[in-house]
Amino acid sequence: MFDALIILLLLYTATYVPFKICYEDETSNVQFVFDLLVDFCFFVDIILTFFTAYQDNLGTLETRKSKIAIHYIKGFFVIDVVTTLPFQLIEKLYISESLDDEN
């Protein structure tokens, strides 16, 4: 069930986010909160991936947590973390700080 949610969120991210970046000037508060919720779901997926077994090169299912963690960190972990950063929150904080500095 969680995988289906992640797929839907990936579709949203792949289709709506580029449109939003290109054509929308402002983000509503509802949209901002929804985007943070999407980022949170992806963060939860990162945590769950540390506990998800995988098949090694020999085709056996690897269930040892240490091996799973090493495999994930050497694989998609960095990409997942960078793409999960809540850039809209970082931008909002940066703009708010810049406005405070001007006053």
Protein backbone atom coordinates (compact mmCIF):
# COMPACT_ATOMS: atom_id res chain seq x y z
CA MET A 1 0.00 0.00 0.00
CA PHE A 2 2.83 2.42 0.87
CA ASP A 3 4.51 1.58 -2.46
CA ALA A 4 1.37 2.63 -4.32
CA LEU A 5 1.38 5.94 -2.44
CA ILE A 6 5.05 6.50 -3.32
CA ILE A 7 4.29 5.80 -7.00
CA LEU A 8 1.46 8.34 -6.97
CA LEU A 9 3.70 10.90 -5.27
CA LEU A 10 6.44 10.25 -7.84
CA LEU A 11 3.92 10.85 -10.64
CA TYR A 12 2.86 14.08 -8.95
CA THR A 13 6.48 15.15 -8.55
CA ALA A 14 7.38 14.28 -12.13
CA THR A 15 4.40 16.07 -13.69
CA TYR A 16 3.12 18.88 -11.51
CA VAL A 17 6.34 20.17 -9.95
CA PRO A 18 8.00 21.10 -13.29
CA PHE A 19 4.76 22.83 -14.34
CA LYS A 20 4.65 24.70 -11.04
CA ILE A 21 8.27 25.80 -11.36
CA CYS A 22 7.76 27.10 -14.89
CA TYR A 23 4.35 28.72 -14.71
CA GLU A 24 3.39 29.60 -11.13
CA ASP A 25 4.77 32.63 -9.32
CA GLU A 26 3.43 31.98 -5.83
CA THR A 27 2.66 28.82 -3.90
CA SER A 28 -0.42 28.80 -1.70
CA ASN A 29 -0.13 27.73 1.92
CA VAL A 30 -2.14 24.59 1.18
CA GLN A 31 0.20 23.69 -1.68
CA PHE A 32 3.22 24.42 0.51
CA VAL A 33 1.96 22.09 3.26
CA PHE A 34 1.10 19.40 0.71
CA ASP A 35 4.60 19.60 -0.76
CA LEU A 36 6.08 19.23 2.72
CA LEU A 37 3.88 16.19 3.28
CA VAL A 38 5.15 14.71 0.01
CA ASP A 39 8.74 15.29 1.12
CA PHE A 40 7.96 13.68 4.47
CA CYS A 41 6.56 10.57 2.73
CA PHE A 42 9.74 10.29 0.69
CA PHE A 43 11.78 10.67 3.90
CA VAL A 44 9.80 7.82 5.49
CA ASP A 45 10.54 5.76 2.38
CA ILE A 46 14.27 6.38 2.89
CA ILE A 47 14.01 5.10 6.47
CA LEU A 48 12.02 2.04 5.39
CA THR A 49 14.56 1.22 2.69
CA PHE A 50 17.14 0.62 5.44
CA PHE A 51 14.94 -2.29 6.58
CA THR A 52 14.02 -3.71 3.16
CA ALA A 53 15.70 -6.96 2.16
CA TYR A 54 17.31 -7.24 -1.28
CA GLN A 55 18.70 -9.99 -3.48
CA ASP A 56 22.47 -10.17 -3.66
CA ASN A 57 24.53 -11.12 -6.74
CA LEU A 58 23.98 -14.83 -6.07
CA GLY A 59 20.22 -14.39 -5.91
CA THR A 60 19.88 -15.00 -2.19
CA LEU A 61 17.73 -12.71 -0.09
CA GLU A 62 19.88 -10.51 2.15
CA THR A 63 18.09 -9.74 5.43
CA ARG A 64 20.98 -8.61 7.67
CA LYS A 65 20.39 -4.98 8.58
CA SER A 66 24.06 -4.04 8.33
CA LYS A 67 24.35 -5.46 4.80
CA ILE A 68 21.09 -3.79 3.75
CA ALA A 69 22.31 -0.42 5.07
CA ILE A 70 25.70 -0.70 3.33
CA HIS A 71 24.02 -1.75 0.07
CA TYR A 72 21.59 1.19 0.20
CA ILE A 73 24.25 3.76 1.17
CA LYS A 74 26.46 2.60 -1.71
CA GLY A 75 23.48 2.73 -4.07
CA PHE A 76 20.64 5.23 -4.19
CA PHE A 77 20.91 6.75 -0.71
CA VAL A 78 22.62 10.01 -1.73
CA ILE A 79 20.23 10.52 -4.65
CA ASP A 80 17.23 9.83 -2.40
CA VAL A 81 18.41 12.27 0.27
CA VAL A 82 19.18 15.08 -2.18
CA THR A 83 15.83 14.69 -3.93
CA THR A 84 13.97 14.58 -0.60
CA LEU A 85 15.33 17.85 0.76
CA PRO A 86 12.41 20.26 1.23
CA PHE A 87 13.71 22.96 -1.10
CA GLN A 88 10.50 24.99 -0.84
CA LEU A 89 10.99 25.20 2.94
CA ILE A 90 14.67 26.13 2.55
CA GLU A 91 13.69 28.81 0.03
CA LYS A 92 10.97 30.20 2.32
CA LEU A 93 13.37 30.35 5.27
CA TYR A 94 16.07 32.00 3.14
CA ILE A 95 13.67 34.63 1.78
CA SER A 96 12.33 35.31 5.26
CA GLU A 97 15.86 35.73 6.60
CA SER A 98 16.79 38.03 3.71
CA LEU A 99 13.78 40.23 4.39
CA ASP A 100 14.69 40.41 8.08
CA ASP A 101 18.23 41.48 7.18
CA GLU A 102 16.90 44.32 5.01
CA ASN A 103 14.83 45.74 7.88
